[in-house]
C-alpha atoms as a PDB file:
ATOM      1  CA  UNK A   1     -16.642 -20.260 -10.692  1.00  0.00           C
ATOM      2  CA  UNK A   2     -15.438 -17.079  -9.026  1.00  0.00           C
ATOM      3  CA  UNK A   3     -18.313 -15.135  -7.519  1.00  0.00           C
ATOM      4  CA  UNK A   4     -19.190 -12.087  -9.617  1.00  0.00           C
ATOM      5  CA  UNK A   5     -18.895  -9.567  -6.775  1.00  0.00           C
ATOM      6  CA  UNK A   6     -15.412 -10.873  -5.918  1.00  0.00           C
ATOM      7  CA  UNK A   7     -14.357 -10.634  -9.549  1.00  0.00           C
ATOM      8  CA  UNK A   8     -15.645  -7.035  -9.711  1.00  0.00           C
ATOM      9  CA  UNK A   9     -13.665  -6.116  -6.589  1.00  0.00           C
ATOM     10  CA  UNK A  10     -10.496  -7.571  -8.083  1.00  0.00           C
ATOM     11  CA  UNK A  11     -11.064  -5.702 -11.344  1.00  0.00           C
ATOM     12  CA  UNK A  12     -11.652  -2.470  -9.403  1.00  0.00           C
ATOM     13  CA  UNK A  13      -8.279  -2.737  -7.663  1.00  0.00           C
ATOM     14  CA  UNK A  14      -6.469  -3.473 -10.908  1.00  0.00           C
ATOM     15  CA  UNK A  15      -8.160  -0.551 -12.689  1.00  0.00           C
ATOM     16  CA  UNK A  16      -6.995   1.754  -9.876  1.00  0.00           C
ATOM     17  CA  UNK A  17      -3.433   0.463 -10.054  1.00  0.00           C
ATOM     18  CA  UNK A  18      -3.720  -1.055  -6.576  1.00  0.00           C
ATOM     19  CA  UNK A  19      -2.106  -4.422  -5.902  1.00  0.00           C
ATOM     20  CA  UNK A  20      -0.581  -4.813  -2.441  1.00  0.00           C
ATOM     21  CA  UNK A  21      -0.030  -8.427  -1.409  1.00  0.00           C
ATOM     22  CA  UNK A  22       0.390  -9.697   2.142  1.00  0.00           C
ATOM     23  CA  UNK A  23       2.183 -12.993   2.213  1.00  0.00           C
ATOM     24  CA  UNK A  24       1.304 -16.129   4.193  1.00  0.00           C
ATOM     25  CA  UNK A  25       1.799 -16.613   7.900  1.00  0.00           C
ATOM     26  CA  UNK A  26       2.372 -19.919   9.671  1.00  0.00           C
ATOM     27  CA  UNK A  27      -1.338 -20.529  10.360  1.00  0.00           C
ATOM     28  CA  UNK A  28      -2.290 -20.330   6.662  1.00  0.00           C
ATOM     29  CA  UNK A  29       0.804 -21.094   4.562  1.00  0.00           C
ATOM     30  CA  UNK A  30      -1.013 -21.328   1.222  1.00  0.00           C
ATOM     31  CA  UNK A  31      -3.156 -18.186   1.509  1.00  0.00           C
ATOM     32  CA  UNK A  32      -2.037 -14.861   0.040  1.00  0.00           C
ATOM     33  CA  UNK A  33      -4.001 -11.704   0.852  1.00  0.00           C
ATOM     34  CA  UNK A  34      -4.552  -8.735  -1.430  1.00  0.00           C
ATOM     35  CA  UNK A  35      -5.391  -5.477   0.346  1.00  0.00           C
ATOM     36  CA  UNK A  36      -8.867  -4.359  -0.716  1.00  0.00           C
ATOM     37  CA  UNK A  37      -9.824  -1.539   1.672  1.00  0.00           C
ATOM     38  CA  UNK A  38      -7.792  -0.301   4.633  1.00  0.00           C
ATOM     39  CA  UNK A  39      -8.839   2.552   6.878  1.00  0.00           C
ATOM     40  CA  UNK A  40      -9.790   3.145  10.508  1.00  0.00           C
ATOM     41  CA  UNK A  41     -13.236   1.645   9.938  1.00  0.00           C
ATOM     42  CA  UNK A  42     -12.289  -1.388   7.830  1.00  0.00           C
ATOM     43  CA  UNK A  43      -9.488  -3.835   7.164  1.00  0.00           C
ATOM     44  CA  UNK A  44     -10.556  -5.858   4.149  1.00  0.00           C
ATOM     45  CA  UNK A  45      -8.721  -8.292   1.872  1.00  0.00           C
ATOM     46  CA  UNK A  46      -9.245 -10.547  -1.095  1.00  0.00           C
ATOM     47  CA  UNK A  47      -7.810 -13.881   0.035  1.00  0.00           C
ATOM     48  CA  UNK A  48      -6.320 -16.172  -2.611  1.00  0.00           C
ATOM     49  CA  UNK A  49      -6.521 -19.783  -1.443  1.00  0.00           C
ATOM     50  CA  UNK A  50      -4.133 -22.591  -2.457  1.00  0.00           C
ATOM     51  CA  UNK A  51      -2.000 -19.787  -3.837  1.00  0.00           C
ATOM     52  CA  UNK A  52       1.470 -19.744  -5.344  1.00  0.00           C
ATOM     53  CA  UNK A  53       3.346 -16.704  -6.667  1.00  0.00           C
ATOM     54  CA  UNK A  54       6.076 -16.938  -9.309  1.00  0.00           C
ATOM     55  CA  UNK A  55       8.179 -14.287 -11.036  1.00  0.00           C
ATOM     56  CA  UNK A  56       9.155 -10.889  -9.607  1.00  0.00           C
ATOM     57  CA  UNK A  57       6.622  -9.020  -7.476  1.00  0.00           C
ATOM     58  CA  UNK A  58       7.559  -5.405  -6.627  1.00  0.00           C
ATOM     59  CA  UNK A  59       6.034  -4.567  -3.256  1.00  0.00           C
ATOM     60  CA  UNK A  60       6.607  -0.810  -3.483  1.00  0.00           C
ATOM     61  CA  UNK A  61       5.820  -0.413  -7.175  1.00  0.00           C
ATOM     62  CA  UNK A  62       4.093   2.844  -8.145  1.00  0.00           C
ATOM     63  CA  UNK A  63       2.860   2.972 -11.701  1.00  0.00           C
ATOM     64  CA  UNK A  64       0.481   1.560 -14.240  1.00  0.00           C
ATOM     65  CA  UNK A  65      -0.535  -2.081 -13.917  1.00  0.00           C
ATOM     66  CA  UNK A  66      -1.517  -4.499 -16.634  1.00  0.00           C
ATOM     67  CA  UNK A  67      -3.188  -7.739 -15.644  1.00  0.00           C
ATOM     68  CA  UNK A  68      -4.995 -10.698 -17.149  1.00  0.00           C
ATOM     69  CA  UNK A  69      -7.055 -13.335 -15.363  1.00  0.00           C
ATOM     70  CA  UNK A  70      -7.682 -16.766 -16.858  1.00  0.00           C
ATOM     71  CA  UNK A  71      -8.897 -20.139 -15.674  1.00  0.00           C
ATOM     72  CA  UNK A  72      -6.886 -23.316 -16.177  1.00  0.00           C
ATOM     73  CA  UNK A  73      -8.916 -26.332 -15.145  1.00  0.00           C
ATOM     74  CA  UNK A  74      -9.883 -25.914 -11.499  1.00  0.00           C
ATOM     75  CA  UNK A  75      -7.343 -23.145 -10.892  1.00  0.00           C
ATOM     76  CA  UNK A  76      -7.068 -19.445 -11.760  1.00  0.00           C
ATOM     77  CA  UNK A  77      -4.041 -17.726 -13.247  1.00  0.00           C
ATOM     78  CA  UNK A  78      -3.499 -13.991 -12.665  1.00  0.00           C
ATOM     79  CA  UNK A  79      -0.625 -12.498 -14.669  1.00  0.00           C
ATOM     80  CA  UNK A  80       0.491  -9.084 -13.431  1.00  0.00           C
ATOM     81  CA  UNK A  81       2.793  -6.654 -15.245  1.00  0.00           C
ATOM     82  CA  UNK A  82       4.437  -3.990 -13.056  1.00  0.00           C
ATOM     83  CA  UNK A  83       6.337  -2.021 -15.648  1.00  0.00           C
ATOM     84  CA  UNK A  84       8.870  -4.481 -17.041  1.00  0.00           C
ATOM     85  CA  UNK A  85       8.457  -6.928 -14.153  1.00  0.00           C
ATOM     86  CA  UNK A  86       6.046  -9.827 -14.457  1.00  0.00           C
ATOM     87  CA  UNK A  87       4.666 -12.109 -11.776  1.00  0.00           C
ATOM     88  CA  UNK A  88       2.038 -14.829 -11.922  1.00  0.00           C
ATOM     89  CA  UNK A  89      -0.364 -15.777  -9.154  1.00  0.00           C
ATOM     90  CA  UNK A  90      -1.897 -19.257  -9.287  1.00  0.00           C
ATOM     91  CA  UNK A  91      -4.840 -19.909  -6.955  1.00  0.00           C
ATOM     92  CA  UNK A  92      -7.784 -22.226  -6.466  1.00  0.00           C
ATOM     93  CA  UNK A  93     -10.336 -19.823  -5.010  1.00  0.00           C
ATOM     94  CA  UNK A  94     -10.675 -16.260  -3.753  1.00  0.00           C
ATOM     95  CA  UNK A  95     -12.833 -14.938  -0.914  1.00  0.00           C
ATOM     96  CA  UNK A  96     -13.482 -11.613   0.766  1.00  0.00           C
ATOM     97  CA  UNK A  97     -12.212 -11.187   4.345  1.00  0.00           C
ATOM     98  CA  UNK A  98     -13.492  -8.143   6.194  1.00  0.00           C
ATOM     99  CA  UNK A  99     -12.993  -6.781   9.713  1.00  0.00           C
ATOM    100  CA  UNK A 100     -15.058  -3.793  10.888  1.00  0.00           C
ATOM    101  CA  UNK A 101     -13.924  -1.484  13.697  1.00  0.00           C
ATOM    102  CA  UNK A 102     -15.144   1.376  15.853  1.00  0.00           C
ATOM    103  CA  UNK A 103     -14.003   4.593  14.113  1.00  0.00           C
ATOM    104  CA  UNK A 104     -16.157   7.037  16.077  1.00  0.00           C
ATOM    105  CA  UNK A 105     -13.350   8.465  18.215  1.00  0.00           C
ATOM    106  CA  UNK A 106     -10.518   8.331  15.707  1.00  0.00           C
ATOM    107  CA  UNK A 107      -8.359  11.404  15.178  1.00  0.00           C
ATOM    108  CA  UNK A 108      -5.710  12.368  12.620  1.00  0.00           C
ATOM    109  CA  UNK A 109      -4.362  15.896  12.800  1.00  0.00           C
ATOM    110  CA  UNK A 110      -2.629  16.384   9.478  1.00  0.00           C
ATOM    111  CA  UNK A 111      -4.168  19.771   8.620  1.00  0.00           C
ATOM    112  CA  UNK A 112      -4.480  22.724  10.987  1.00  0.00           C
ATOM    113  CA  UNK A 113      -7.393  25.082  11.722  1.00  0.00           C
ATOM    114  CA  UNK A 114     -10.884  23.910  12.652  1.00  0.00           C
ATOM    115  CA  UNK A 115      -9.443  20.466  13.256  1.00  0.00           C
ATOM    116  CA  UNK A 116     -12.659  19.162  14.800  1.00  0.00           C
ATOM    117  CA  UNK A 117     -14.537  19.673  11.523  1.00  0.00           C
ATOM    118  CA  UNK A 118     -11.716  17.937   9.641  1.00  0.00           C
ATOM    119  CA  UNK A 119     -12.188  14.931  11.921  1.00  0.00           C
ATOM    120  CA  UNK A 120     -15.860  14.826  10.940  1.00  0.00           C
ATOM    121  CA  UNK A 121     -14.849  15.010   7.270  1.00  0.00           C
ATOM    122  CA  UNK A 122     -12.407  12.144   7.767  1.00  0.00           C
ATOM    123  CA  UNK A 123     -14.903   9.851   9.517  1.00  0.00           C
ATOM    124  CA  UNK A 124     -17.595  10.573   6.960  1.00  0.00           C
ATOM    125  CA  UNK A 125     -15.111   9.894   4.130  1.00  0.00           C
ATOM    126  CA  UNK A 126     -14.002   6.512   5.468  1.00  0.00           C
ATOM    127  CA  UNK A 127     -17.629   5.579   6.132  1.00  0.00           C
ATOM    128  CA  UNK A 128     -18.490   6.556   2.560  1.00  0.00           C
ATOM    129  CA  UNK A 129     -15.615   4.390   1.294  1.00  0.00           C
ATOM    130  CA  UNK A 130     -16.844   1.457   3.372  1.00  0.00           C
ATOM    131  CA  UNK A 131     -20.295   1.763   1.835  1.00  0.00           C
ATOM    132  CA  UNK A 132     -19.011   2.209  -1.718  1.00  0.00           C
ATOM    133  CA  UNK A 133     -16.393  -0.560  -1.638  1.00  0.00           C
ATOM    134  CA  UNK A 134     -18.204  -3.158   0.473  1.00  0.00           C
ATOM    135  CA  UNK A 135     -21.877  -2.364   0.013  1.00  0.00           C
ATOM    136  CA  UNK A 136     -24.877  -1.472   2.140  1.00  0.00           C
ATOM    137  CA  UNK A 137     -24.825  -4.816   3.942  1.00  0.00           C
ATOM    138  CA  UNK A 138     -21.663  -3.764   5.776  1.00  0.00           C
ATOM    139  CA  UNK A 139     -23.305  -0.594   7.119  1.00  0.00           C
ATOM    140  CA  UNK A 140     -26.091   0.052   9.584  1.00  0.00           C
ATOM    141  CA  UNK A 141     -29.116   2.084   8.545  1.00  0.00           C
ATOM    142  CA  UNK A 142     -27.759   5.124  10.377  1.00  0.00           C
ATOM    143  CA  UNK A 143     -24.355   4.744   8.710  1.00  0.00           C
ATOM    144  CA  UNK A 144     -25.996   4.646   5.291  1.00  0.00           C
ATOM    145  CA  UNK A 145     -27.720   7.946   6.055  1.00  0.00           C
ATOM    146  CA  UNK A 146     -24.577   9.634   7.380  1.00  0.00           C
ATOM    147  CA  UNK A 147     -22.380   8.357   4.538  1.00  0.00           C
ATOM    148  CA  UNK A 148     -24.146  10.640   2.055  1.00  0.00           C
ATOM    149  CA  UNK A 149     -22.631  13.660   3.855  1.00  0.00           C
ATOM    150  CA  UNK A 150     -19.451  12.888   1.892  1.00  0.00           C
ATOM    151  CA  UNK A 151     -21.426  14.466  -0.978  1.00  0.00           C
ATOM    152  CA  UNK A 152     -21.980  17.745   0.917  1.00  0.00           C
ATOM    153  CA  UNK A 153     -19.207  20.234  -0.080  1.00  0.00           C
ATOM    154  CA  UNK A 154     -19.518  22.549   2.961  1.00  0.00           C
ATOM    155  CA  UNK A 155     -18.335  19.650   5.136  1.00  0.00           C
ATOM    156  CA  UNK A 156     -16.380  17.410   2.771  1.00  0.00           C
ATOM    157  CA  UNK A 157     -12.881  17.679   1.259  1.00  0.00           C
ATOM    158  CA  UNK A 158     -13.803  20.868  -0.610  1.00  0.00           C
ATOM    159  CA  UNK A 159     -13.874  22.947   2.603  1.00  0.00           C
ATOM    160  CA  UNK A 160     -12.430  20.813   5.418  1.00  0.00           C
ATOM    161  CA  UNK A 161     -10.013  18.240   3.946  1.00  0.00           C
ATOM    162  CA  UNK A 162      -8.498  16.041   6.645  1.00  0.00           C
ATOM    163  CA  UNK A 163      -5.366  15.360   4.599  1.00  0.00           C
ATOM    164  CA  UNK A 164      -2.983  17.704   2.712  1.00  0.00           C
ATOM    165  CA  UNK A 165      -3.773  18.286  -0.967  1.00  0.00           C
ATOM    166  CA  UNK A 166      -0.901  16.042  -2.096  1.00  0.00           C
ATOM    167  CA  UNK A 167      -2.601  13.024  -0.487  1.00  0.00           C
ATOM    168  CA  UNK A 168      -6.191  13.906  -1.306  1.00  0.00           C
ATOM    169  CA  UNK A 169      -8.064  11.265  -3.328  1.00  0.00           C
ATOM    170  CA  UNK A 170     -11.644  12.539  -3.629  1.00  0.00           C
ATOM    171  CA  UNK A 171     -14.382   9.917  -3.878  1.00  0.00           C
ATOM    172  CA  UNK A 172     -16.963  12.427  -5.111  1.00  0.00           C
ATOM    173  CA  UNK A 173     -16.872  15.307  -7.645  1.00  0.00           C
ATOM    174  CA  UNK A 174     -15.643  18.604  -6.204  1.00  0.00           C
ATOM    175  CA  UNK A 175     -18.295  21.195  -5.292  1.00  0.00           C
ATOM    176  CA  UNK A 176     -21.184  18.989  -6.430  1.00  0.00           C
ATOM    177  CA  UNK A 177     -23.872  18.468  -3.800  1.00  0.00           C
ATOM    178  CA  UNK A 178     -26.189  15.462  -3.990  1.00  0.00           C
ATOM    179  CA  UNK A 179     -29.892  15.696  -3.270  1.00  0.00           C
ATOM    180  CA  UNK A 180     -29.563  12.971  -0.632  1.00  0.00           C
ATOM    181  CA  UNK A 181     -26.808  14.851   1.191  1.00  0.00           C
ATOM    182  CA  UNK A 182     -28.785  18.087   1.180  1.00  0.00           C
ATOM    183  CA  UNK A 183     -31.894  16.373   2.560  1.00  0.00           C
ATOM    184  CA  UNK A 184     -29.869  14.668   5.295  1.00  0.00           C
ATOM    185  CA  UNK A 185     -28.333  17.999   6.318  1.00  0.00           C
ATOM    186  CA  UNK A 186     -31.798  19.563   6.466  1.00  0.00           C
ATOM    187  CA  UNK A 187     -32.928  16.792   8.815  1.00  0.00           C
ATOM    188  CA  UNK A 188     -29.871  17.360  10.999  1.00  0.00           C
ATOM    189  CA  UNK A 189     -30.409  21.128  11.072  1.00  0.00           C
ATOM    190  CA  UNK A 190     -34.048  20.598  12.048  1.00  0.00           C
ATOM    191  CA  UNK A 191     -33.079  18.136  14.796  1.00  0.00           C
ATOM    192  CA  UNK A 192     -30.503  20.620  16.104  1.00  0.00           C
ATOM    193  CA  UNK A 193     -33.133  23.384  16.053  1.00  0.00           C
ATOM    194  CA  UNK A 194     -30.935  25.513  13.776  1.00  0.00           C
ATOM    195  CA  UNK A 195     -33.387  27.596  11.727  1.00  0.00           C
ATOM    196  CA  UNK A 196     -30.707  29.885  10.347  1.00  0.00           C
ATOM    197  CA  UNK A 197     -28.736  26.965   8.942  1.00  0.00           C
ATOM    198  CA  UNK A 198     -31.953  25.543   7.513  1.00  0.00           C
ATOM    199  CA  UNK A 199     -32.587  28.750   5.554  1.00  0.00           C
ATOM    200  CA  UNK A 200     -29.098  28.576   4.071  1.00  0.00           C
ATOM    201  CA  UNK A 201     -29.619  24.922   3.129  1.00  0.00           C
ATOM    202  CA  UNK A 202     -32.876  25.758   1.347  1.00  0.00           C
ATOM    203  CA  UNK A 203     -31.046  28.504  -0.557  1.00  0.00           C
ATOM    204  CA  UNK A 204     -28.226  26.084  -1.381  1.00  0.00           C
ATOM    205  CA  UNK A 205     -30.750  23.636  -2.790  1.00  0.00           C
ATOM    206  CA  UNK A 206     -32.073  26.300  -5.140  1.00  0.00           C
ATOM    207  CA  UNK A 207     -28.656  27.641  -6.062  1.00  0.00           C
ATOM    208  CA  UNK A 208     -26.024  24.889  -5.504  1.00  0.00           C
ATOM    209  CA  UNK A 209     -23.101  27.197  -6.069  1.00  0.00           C
ATOM    210  CA  UNK A 210     -19.602  27.261  -4.647  1.00  0.00           C
ATOM    211  CA  UNK A 211     -20.034  30.675  -2.987  1.00  0.00           C
ATOM    212  CA  UNK A 212     -23.027  29.436  -0.963  1.00  0.00           C
ATOM    213  CA  UNK A 213     -21.217  26.203  -0.045  1.00  0.00           C
ATOM    214  CA  UNK A 214     -18.331  28.251   1.338  1.00  0.00           C
ATOM    215  CA  UNK A 215     -20.688  30.415   3.376  1.00  0.00           C
ATOM    216  CA  UNK A 216     -22.341  27.348   4.931  1.00  0.00           C
ATOM    217  CA  UNK A 217     -18.865  25.989   5.697  1.00  0.00           C
ATOM    218  CA  UNK A 218     -18.090  29.198   7.562  1.00  0.00           C
ATOM    219  CA  UNK A 219     -21.307  28.903   9.561  1.00  0.00           C
ATOM    220  CA  UNK A 220     -20.402  25.388  10.715  1.00  0.00           C
ATOM    221  CA  UNK A 221     -17.385  26.610  12.718  1.00  0.00           C
ATOM    222  CA  UNK A 222     -19.253  29.368  14.560  1.00  0.00           C
ATOM    223  CA  UNK A 223     -20.578  29.172  18.103  1.00  0.00           C
ATOM    224  CA  UNK A 224     -24.077  29.957  16.811  1.00  0.00           C
ATOM    225  CA  UNK A 225     -24.191  26.727  14.783  1.00  0.00           C
ATOM    226  CA  UNK A 226     -22.274  24.522  17.216  1.00  0.00           C
ATOM    227  CA  UNK A 227     -25.278  22.313  17.958  1.00  0.00           C
ATOM    228  CA  UNK A 228     -25.509  21.138  14.353  1.00  0.00           C
ATOM    229  CA  UNK A 229     -21.805  20.234  14.147  1.00  0.00           C
ATOM    230  CA  UNK A 230     -21.918  18.505  17.536  1.00  0.00           C
ATOM    231  CA  UNK A 231     -25.014  16.539  16.515  1.00  0.00           C
ATOM    232  CA  UNK A 232     -23.168  15.091  13.510  1.00  0.00           C
ATOM    233  CA  UNK A 233     -20.252  14.175  15.773  1.00  0.00           C
ATOM    234  CA  UNK A 234     -22.534  12.355  18.236  1.00  0.00           C
ATOM    235  CA  UNK A 235     -24.370  10.509  15.498  1.00  0.00           C
ATOM    236  CA  UNK A 236     -21.129   9.308  13.909  1.00  0.00           C
ATOM    237  CA  UNK A 237     -19.840   8.149  17.307  1.00  0.00           C
ATOM    238  CA  UNK A 238     -23.080   6.307  18.028  1.00  0.00           C
ATOM    239  CA  UNK A 239     -23.148   4.675  14.591  1.00  0.00           C
ATOM    240  CA  UNK A 240     -19.543   3.494  14.930  1.00  0.00           C
ATOM    241  CA  UNK A 241     -19.980   2.252  18.487  1.00  0.00           C
ATOM    242  CA  UNK A 242     -21.703  -0.947  17.315  1.00  0.00           C
ATOM    243  CA  UNK A 243     -18.299  -2.201  16.118  1.00  0.00           C
ATOM    244  CA  UNK A 244     -15.471  -3.565  18.246  1.00  0.00           C
ATOM    245  CA  UNK A 245     -12.270  -1.718  19.062  1.00  0.00           C
ATOM    246  CA  UNK A 246      -8.982  -3.069  17.769  1.00  0.00           C
ATOM    247  CA  UNK A 247      -7.305  -5.304  20.358  1.00  0.00           C
ATOM    248  CA  UNK A 248      -3.555  -5.722  20.039  1.00  0.00           C
ATOM    249  CA  UNK A 249      -1.039  -8.127  21.545  1.00  0.00           C
ATOM    250  CA  UNK A 250      -0.583  -7.923  25.308  1.00  0.00           C
ATOM    251  CA  UNK A 251       2.743  -6.062  25.174  1.00  0.00           C
ATOM    252  CA  UNK A 252       1.221  -3.414  22.938  1.00  0.00           C
ATOM    253  CA  UNK A 253      -1.987  -3.252  24.974  1.00  0.00           C
ATOM    254  CA  UNK A 254       0.076  -2.562  28.095  1.00  0.00           C
ATOM    255  CA  UNK A 255       1.662   0.465  26.398  1.00  0.00           C
ATOM    256  CA  UNK A 256      -1.729   1.611  25.172  1.00  0.00           C
ATOM    257  CA  UNK A 257      -3.227   1.455  28.673  1.00  0.00           C
ATOM    258  CA  UNK A 258      -0.476   3.740  29.976  1.00  0.00           C
ATOM    259  CA  UNK A 259      -1.064   6.250  27.182  1.00  0.00           C
ATOM    260  CA  UNK A 260      -4.811   6.214  27.851  1.00  0.00           C
ATOM    261  CA  UNK A 261      -4.259   6.721  31.582  1.00  0.00           C
ATOM    262  CA  UNK A 262      -2.057   9.753  30.908  1.00  0.00           C
ATOM    263  CA  UNK A 263      -4.670  11.143  28.528  1.00  0.00           C
ATOM    264  CA  UNK A 264      -7.490  10.672  31.040  1.00  0.00           C
ATOM    265  CA  UNK A 265      -5.384  12.336  33.755  1.00  0.00           C
ATOM    266  CA  UNK A 266      -4.627  15.295  31.484  1.00  0.00           C
ATOM    267  CA  UNK A 267      -8.299  15.560  30.478  1.00  0.00           C
ATOM    268  CA  UNK A 268      -9.344  15.669  34.143  1.00  0.00           C
ATOM    269  CA  UNK A 269      -6.734  18.347  34.811  1.00  0.00           C
ATOM    270  CA  UNK A 270      -8.052  20.475  31.954  1.00  0.00           C
ATOM    271  CA  UNK A 271     -11.652  20.065  33.047  1.00  0.00           C
ATOM    272  CA  UNK A 272     -10.772  21.103  36.602  1.00  0.00           C
ATOM    273  CA  UNK A 273      -9.459  24.348  35.138  1.00  0.00           C
ATOM    274  CA  UNK A 274     -12.794  24.889  33.367  1.00  0.00           C
ATOM    275  CA  UNK A 275     -11.779  23.718  29.887  1.00  0.00           C
ATOM    276  CA  UNK A 276     -13.600  21.192  27.732  1.00  0.00           C
ATOM    277  CA  UNK A 277     -11.398  18.421  26.326  1.00  0.00           C
ATOM    278  CA  UNK A 278     -12.096  15.441  24.096  1.00  0.00           C
ATOM    279  CA  UNK A 279      -9.945  12.328  23.666  1.00  0.00           C
ATOM    280  CA  UNK A 280      -9.330  10.838  20.222  1.00  0.00           C
ATOM    281  CA  UNK A 281      -7.145   7.876  19.273  1.00  0.00           C
ATOM    282  CA  UNK A 282      -4.797   7.148  16.391  1.00  0.00           C
ATOM    283  CA  UNK A 283      -3.822   3.501  16.006  1.00  0.00           C
ATOM    284  CA  UNK A 284      -2.065   1.102  13.622  1.00  0.00           C
ATOM    285  CA  UNK A 285      -3.811  -1.520  11.536  1.00  0.00           C
ATOM    286  CA  UNK A 286      -4.396  -4.855  13.199  1.00  0.00           C
ATOM    287  CA  UNK A 287      -4.334  -7.333  10.305  1.00  0.00           C
ATOM    288  CA  UNK A 288      -1.944  -5.492   7.998  1.00  0.00           C
ATOM    289  CA  UNK A 289       1.065  -4.415  10.000  1.00  0.00           C
ATOM    290  CA  UNK A 290       2.221  -0.847   9.457  1.00  0.00           C
ATOM    291  CA  UNK A 291       4.635   1.597  11.049  1.00  0.00           C
ATOM    292  CA  UNK A 292       2.004   3.780  12.737  1.00  0.00           C
ATOM    293  CA  UNK A 293       2.360   4.075  16.512  1.00  0.00           C
ATOM    294  CA  UNK A 294      -0.586   4.292  18.866  1.00  0.00           C
ATOM    295  CA  UNK A 295      -1.294   7.881  19.927  1.00  0.00           C
ATOM    296  CA  UNK A 296      -3.928   9.732  21.897  1.00  0.00           C
ATOM    297  CA  UNK A 297      -4.893  13.279  20.988  1.00  0.00           C
ATOM    298  CA  UNK A 298      -6.714  15.742  23.196  1.00  0.00           C
ATOM    299  CA  UNK A 299      -8.825  18.373  21.489  1.00  0.00           C
ATOM    300  CA  UNK A 300      -9.069  21.310  23.876  1.00  0.00           C
ATOM    301  CA  UNK A 301     -11.966  23.568  22.955  1.00  0.00           C
ATOM    302  CA  UNK A 302     -11.844  27.339  22.933  1.00  0.00           C
ATOM    303  CA  UNK A 303     -13.821  30.280  21.563  1.00  0.00           C
ATOM    304  CA  UNK A 304     -12.178  32.919  19.390  1.00  0.00           C
ATOM    305  CA  UNK A 305     -14.639  35.694  18.641  1.00  0.00           C
ATOM    306  CA  UNK A 306     -17.667  34.047  17.045  1.00  0.00           C
ATOM    307  CA  UNK A 307     -15.736  30.904  16.170  1.00  0.00           C
ATOM    308  CA  UNK A 308     -15.116  27.597  17.910  1.00  0.00           C
ATOM    309  CA  UNK A 309     -11.585  26.280  17.649  1.00  0.00           C
ATOM    310  CA  UNK A 310      -9.402  23.661  19.327  1.00  0.00           C
ATOM    311  CA  UNK A 311      -5.859  23.260  20.537  1.00  0.00           C
ATOM    312  CA  UNK A 312      -4.428  19.759  20.132  1.00  0.00           C
ATOM    313  CA  UNK A 313      -2.136  17.918  22.528  1.00  0.00           C
ATOM    314  CA  UNK A 314      -0.698  14.515  21.605  1.00  0.00           C
ATOM    315  CA  UNK A 315       0.428  11.759  23.967  1.00  0.00           C
ATOM    316  CA  UNK A 316       2.582   8.972  22.527  1.00  0.00           C
ATOM    317  CA  UNK A 317       4.067   7.253  25.572  1.00  0.00           C
END
């Protein structure tokens, strides 16, 4: 019998209209993968074993899905309707395949202004997704604590979305703060020695309103409260560092080494001129091939009035 947690994961994908298959390679000709969760922290699949697909499967279909899952003897039958197209997947068993990666120095610069806070929002969001989709057992204790910050509007998609609005898929209600998130932020403010931020957090707990959330968001990008923002960054990097980096084929790794060398040289040049620079990477998926090219971004810090900001330089070759 199919394990209950696997069945629930399959039902979740179908309810969300998600059904992206990856077809067999030479080393496993009868296995078909279904993408479960793909981001910089995780590449996860439901793997259908002894699988055979019949009918018409539309790879790029966008629309409502209808599906039914039945058992016929020792095999399962999944019938999928993509609009007027129908395909049927026969399989003997299904398992969960998961690969975890170091996401602590990942950077995507899709939205401008206070980019460094948007990178924190992005890492917290993908960590939160990992916890929600895969469960606590796929997260360390520190990751479980930090993941709740996705429920803190002054730092989440409400104030610092990492992606444009058209691509935003919130995993938590807008402008609602959770008690866990507020308590975690208080601990971080205390550890950073930021008494002013602590007072605002106490006020926010009493009056969890949008206007106060926006004010706290403004505080986070000021020089005065830099220690709190930097503490979150360090903790996320440390939590993610327990996982391996993606390792690509030798030809690709050779290109990546050259890009990294150029980035390190540029970083050294900037630091010699008295500027602070930070290197972040943007990379393609390893187990599900995509069109993303490996890039390195340099965040070059600067102060504008009371605010901390960054310029971004990107190296692609």
